[in-house]
Amino acid sequence: MIVAAAEWVFMLMIVVLFGSQVLWPVCRGTRLFPIIRREGRLRRELSEVRQEATEIEVEEQITRERERLELERMARAKHKEKDQ
């Protein structure tokens, strides 16, 4: 009984794999076996690199704003000392 069920599950997996990796791409006019294509992995890697670059840029903006704020505080404190 368990062996028969396992056979059916295995056959179903083969049919799904064949359908998703051969029949569907043929119908859509794309390459076969998209599961092993590098393009998807490379696009994800590119997306990650772009995200890291954006994070670095934002961190730099934060640093510049903090420096600007500190300079402004120092200028106000200096101005306040002059007024007293």
N, C-alpha and C. Protein backbone atom coordinates (compact mmCIF):
# COMPACT_ATOMS: atom_id res chain seq x y z
N MET A 1 0.83 -1.20 0.00
CA MET A 1 0.00 0.00 0.00
C MET A 1 0.87 1.26 0.00
N ILE A 2 1.85 1.32 0.91
CA ILE A 2 2.72 2.49 0.99
C ILE A 2 3.58 2.60 -0.27
N VAL A 3 4.04 1.43 -0.75
CA VAL A 3 4.86 1.43 -1.97
C VAL A 3 4.04 1.93 -3.15
N ALA A 4 2.81 1.52 -3.25
CA ALA A 4 1.95 1.97 -4.35
C ALA A 4 1.72 3.47 -4.28
N ALA A 5 1.50 3.98 -3.06
CA ALA A 5 1.31 5.43 -2.89
C ALA A 5 2.58 6.19 -3.25
N ALA A 6 3.71 5.64 -2.84
CA ALA A 6 4.99 6.29 -3.17
C ALA A 6 5.21 6.30 -4.67
N GLU A 7 4.83 5.22 -5.35
CA GLU A 7 4.96 5.18 -6.81
C GLU A 7 4.11 6.26 -7.47
N TRP A 8 2.87 6.43 -6.97
CA TRP A 8 1.99 7.45 -7.53
C TRP A 8 2.55 8.86 -7.29
N VAL A 9 3.07 9.08 -6.10
CA VAL A 9 3.65 10.39 -5.79
C VAL A 9 4.86 10.65 -6.69
N PHE A 10 5.70 9.64 -6.87
CA PHE A 10 6.87 9.78 -7.73
C PHE A 10 6.45 10.05 -9.18
N MET A 11 5.45 9.32 -9.66
CA MET A 11 4.98 9.54 -11.03
C MET A 11 4.38 10.93 -11.18
N LEU A 12 3.66 11.39 -10.18
CA LEU A 12 3.08 12.73 -10.21
C LEU A 12 4.19 13.78 -10.25
N MET A 13 5.24 13.56 -9.46
CA MET A 13 6.37 14.50 -9.46
C MET A 13 7.04 14.55 -10.83
N ILE A 14 7.18 13.40 -11.48
CA ILE A 14 7.78 13.35 -12.81
C ILE A 14 6.91 14.10 -13.81
N VAL A 15 5.60 13.91 -13.73
CA VAL A 15 4.68 14.60 -14.64
C VAL A 15 4.74 16.11 -14.43
N VAL A 16 4.74 16.53 -13.18
CA VAL A 16 4.82 17.96 -12.88
C VAL A 16 6.14 18.53 -13.36
N LEU A 17 7.23 17.83 -13.10
CA LEU A 17 8.55 18.29 -13.55
C LEU A 17 8.59 18.40 -15.07
N PHE A 18 8.09 17.38 -15.76
CA PHE A 18 8.07 17.41 -17.22
C PHE A 18 7.21 18.57 -17.72
N GLY A 19 6.06 18.74 -17.09
CA GLY A 19 5.17 19.82 -17.53
C GLY A 19 5.78 21.20 -17.31
N SER A 20 6.40 21.39 -16.16
CA SER A 20 6.93 22.72 -15.85
C SER A 20 8.26 23.01 -16.54
N GLN A 21 9.02 21.98 -16.86
CA GLN A 21 10.34 22.20 -17.44
C GLN A 21 10.41 21.96 -18.95
N VAL A 22 9.41 21.27 -19.50
CA VAL A 22 9.43 20.98 -20.93
C VAL A 22 8.17 21.53 -21.62
N LEU A 23 6.99 21.05 -21.22
CA LEU A 23 5.77 21.44 -21.93
C LEU A 23 5.48 22.94 -21.81
N TRP A 24 5.52 23.48 -20.62
CA TRP A 24 5.21 24.91 -20.43
C TRP A 24 6.19 25.80 -21.21
N PRO A 25 7.50 25.58 -21.11
CA PRO A 25 8.41 26.41 -21.92
C PRO A 25 8.20 26.26 -23.43
N VAL A 26 7.87 25.06 -23.89
CA VAL A 26 7.60 24.86 -25.32
C VAL A 26 6.38 25.66 -25.73
N CYS A 27 5.34 25.65 -24.93
CA CYS A 27 4.12 26.40 -25.24
C CYS A 27 4.38 27.91 -25.24
N ARG A 28 5.25 28.36 -24.33
CA ARG A 28 5.54 29.78 -24.22
C ARG A 28 6.64 30.24 -25.17
N GLY A 29 7.34 29.29 -25.77
CA GLY A 29 8.41 29.63 -26.70
C GLY A 29 9.69 30.05 -25.99
N THR A 30 9.91 29.56 -24.79
CA THR A 30 11.13 29.88 -24.05
C THR A 30 12.03 28.65 -24.00
N ARG A 31 13.18 28.82 -23.39
CA ARG A 31 14.13 27.72 -23.28
C ARG A 31 13.59 26.61 -22.38
N LEU A 32 14.05 25.40 -22.69
CA LEU A 32 13.67 24.26 -21.86
C LEU A 32 14.47 24.27 -20.56
N PHE A 33 13.95 23.60 -19.57
CA PHE A 33 14.58 23.44 -18.26
C PHE A 33 14.98 24.78 -17.63
N PRO A 34 14.01 25.63 -17.40
CA PRO A 34 14.34 26.93 -16.78
C PRO A 34 14.86 26.79 -15.35
N ILE A 35 14.66 25.64 -14.74
CA ILE A 35 15.12 25.45 -13.36
C ILE A 35 16.64 25.50 -13.26
N ILE A 36 17.34 25.18 -14.34
CA ILE A 36 18.80 25.14 -14.29
C ILE A 36 19.45 26.33 -14.99
N ARG A 37 18.66 27.29 -15.37
CA ARG A 37 19.22 28.45 -16.05
C ARG A 37 19.89 29.38 -15.06
N ARG A 38 20.95 30.00 -15.47
CA ARG A 38 21.71 30.91 -14.61
C ARG A 38 21.09 32.29 -14.54
N GLU A 39 20.29 32.65 -15.51
CA GLU A 39 19.78 34.02 -15.59
C GLU A 39 19.04 34.43 -14.32
N GLY A 40 18.18 33.57 -13.84
CA GLY A 40 17.41 33.90 -12.64
C GLY A 40 18.32 34.13 -11.45
N ARG A 41 19.30 33.25 -11.29
CA ARG A 41 20.23 33.39 -10.17
C ARG A 41 21.05 34.66 -10.31
N LEU A 42 21.48 34.94 -11.53
CA LEU A 42 22.28 36.15 -11.76
C LEU A 42 21.45 37.41 -11.52
N ARG A 43 20.20 37.39 -11.92
CA ARG A 43 19.34 38.55 -11.68
C ARG A 43 19.12 38.78 -10.19
N ARG A 44 18.95 37.69 -9.43
CA ARG A 44 18.82 37.83 -7.97
C ARG A 44 20.09 38.41 -7.37
N GLU A 45 21.23 37.93 -7.86
CA GLU A 45 22.51 38.44 -7.36
C GLU A 45 22.67 39.92 -7.69
N LEU A 46 22.29 40.31 -8.90
CA LEU A 46 22.34 41.71 -9.30
C LEU A 46 21.43 42.54 -8.41
N SER A 47 20.26 42.04 -8.13
CA SER A 47 19.32 42.75 -7.26
C SER A 47 19.92 42.93 -5.86
N GLU A 48 20.56 41.90 -5.35
CA GLU A 48 21.19 41.99 -4.03
C GLU A 48 22.31 43.03 -4.02
N VAL A 49 23.12 43.04 -5.08
CA VAL A 49 24.23 44.00 -5.16
C VAL A 49 23.68 45.42 -5.24
N ARG A 50 22.64 45.61 -6.03
CA ARG A 50 22.03 46.94 -6.12
C ARG A 50 21.46 47.37 -4.77
N GLN A 51 20.86 46.43 -4.06
CA GLN A 51 20.31 46.75 -2.74
C GLN A 51 21.43 47.16 -1.79
N GLU A 52 22.54 46.43 -1.82
CA GLU A 52 23.68 46.78 -0.97
C GLU A 52 24.21 48.17 -1.32
N ALA A 53 24.29 48.48 -2.62
CA ALA A 53 24.76 49.80 -3.04
C ALA A 53 23.82 50.89 -2.55
N THR A 54 22.53 50.64 -2.63
CA THR A 54 21.55 51.61 -2.14
C THR A 54 21.69 51.81 -0.64
N GLU A 55 21.90 50.72 0.09
CA GLU A 55 22.07 50.82 1.54
C GLU A 55 23.31 51.64 1.89
N ILE A 56 24.40 51.42 1.16
CA ILE A 56 25.63 52.18 1.40
C ILE A 56 25.39 53.65 1.13
N GLU A 57 24.69 53.95 0.02
CA GLU A 57 24.40 55.34 -0.32
C GLU A 57 23.56 56.01 0.77
N VAL A 58 22.57 55.31 1.28
CA VAL A 58 21.72 55.87 2.32
C VAL A 58 22.53 56.07 3.61
N GLU A 59 23.38 55.11 3.93
CA GLU A 59 24.23 55.26 5.12
C GLU A 59 25.15 56.49 4.99
N GLU A 60 25.68 56.71 3.79
CA GLU A 60 26.51 57.89 3.56
C GLU A 60 25.70 59.18 3.72
N GLN A 61 24.46 59.17 3.23
CA GLN A 61 23.59 60.33 3.39
C GLN A 61 23.32 60.59 4.87
N ILE A 62 23.10 59.54 5.62
CA ILE A 62 22.86 59.68 7.06
C ILE A 62 24.09 60.30 7.73
N THR A 63 25.27 59.81 7.36
CA THR A 63 26.50 60.35 7.94
C THR A 63 26.65 61.83 7.60
N ARG A 64 26.40 62.19 6.34
CA ARG A 64 26.51 63.61 5.95
C ARG A 64 25.51 64.46 6.71
N GLU A 65 24.29 63.98 6.86
CA GLU A 65 23.27 64.75 7.58
C GLU A 65 23.64 64.90 9.06
N ARG A 66 24.18 63.85 9.65
CA ARG A 66 24.60 63.95 11.05
C ARG A 66 25.73 64.96 11.21
N GLU A 67 26.68 64.96 10.27
CA GLU A 67 27.78 65.93 10.31
C GLU A 67 27.25 67.35 10.15
N ARG A 68 26.31 67.52 9.20
CA ARG A 68 25.73 68.83 8.99
C ARG A 68 24.99 69.30 10.24
N LEU A 69 24.24 68.40 10.85
CA LEU A 69 23.50 68.74 12.06
C LEU A 69 24.45 69.12 13.19
N GLU A 70 25.54 68.39 13.34
CA GLU A 70 26.51 68.70 14.39
C GLU A 70 27.15 70.07 14.15
N LEU A 71 27.48 70.38 12.89
CA LEU A 71 28.04 71.69 12.58
C LEU A 71 27.04 72.79 12.88
N GLU A 72 25.78 72.55 12.57
CA GLU A 72 24.74 73.53 12.85
C GLU A 72 24.58 73.74 14.36
N ARG A 73 24.61 72.67 15.12
CA ARG A 73 24.54 72.78 16.57
C ARG A 73 25.71 73.58 17.12
N MET A 74 26.90 73.31 16.61
CA MET A 74 28.10 74.02 17.07
C MET A 74 27.99 75.51 16.73
N ALA A 75 27.49 75.81 15.51
CA ALA A 75 27.34 77.20 15.10
C ALA A 75 26.32 77.91 15.99
N ARG A 76 25.23 77.26 16.32
CA ARG A 76 24.22 77.86 17.20
C ARG A 76 24.78 78.08 18.61
N ALA A 77 25.53 77.11 19.09
CA ALA A 77 26.12 77.25 20.42
C ALA A 77 27.12 78.41 20.44
N LYS A 78 27.89 78.54 19.38
CA LYS A 78 28.86 79.62 19.27
C LYS A 78 28.14 80.96 19.21
N HIS A 79 27.06 81.00 18.42
CA HIS A 79 26.27 82.24 18.29
C HIS A 79 25.63 82.60 19.62
N LYS A 80 25.17 81.60 20.35
CA LYS A 80 24.53 81.80 21.62
C LYS A 80 25.55 82.36 22.63
N GLU A 81 26.79 81.88 22.58
CA GLU A 81 27.84 82.38 23.46
C GLU A 81 28.14 83.84 23.18
N LYS A 82 28.12 84.22 21.89
CA LYS A 82 28.40 85.60 21.51
C LYS A 82 27.31 86.53 22.04
N ASP A 83 26.06 86.06 22.02
CA ASP A 83 24.94 86.89 22.45
C ASP A 83 24.96 87.12 23.97
N GLN A 84 25.60 86.28 24.72
CA GLN A 84 25.58 86.42 26.18
C GLN A 84 26.66 87.31 26.65
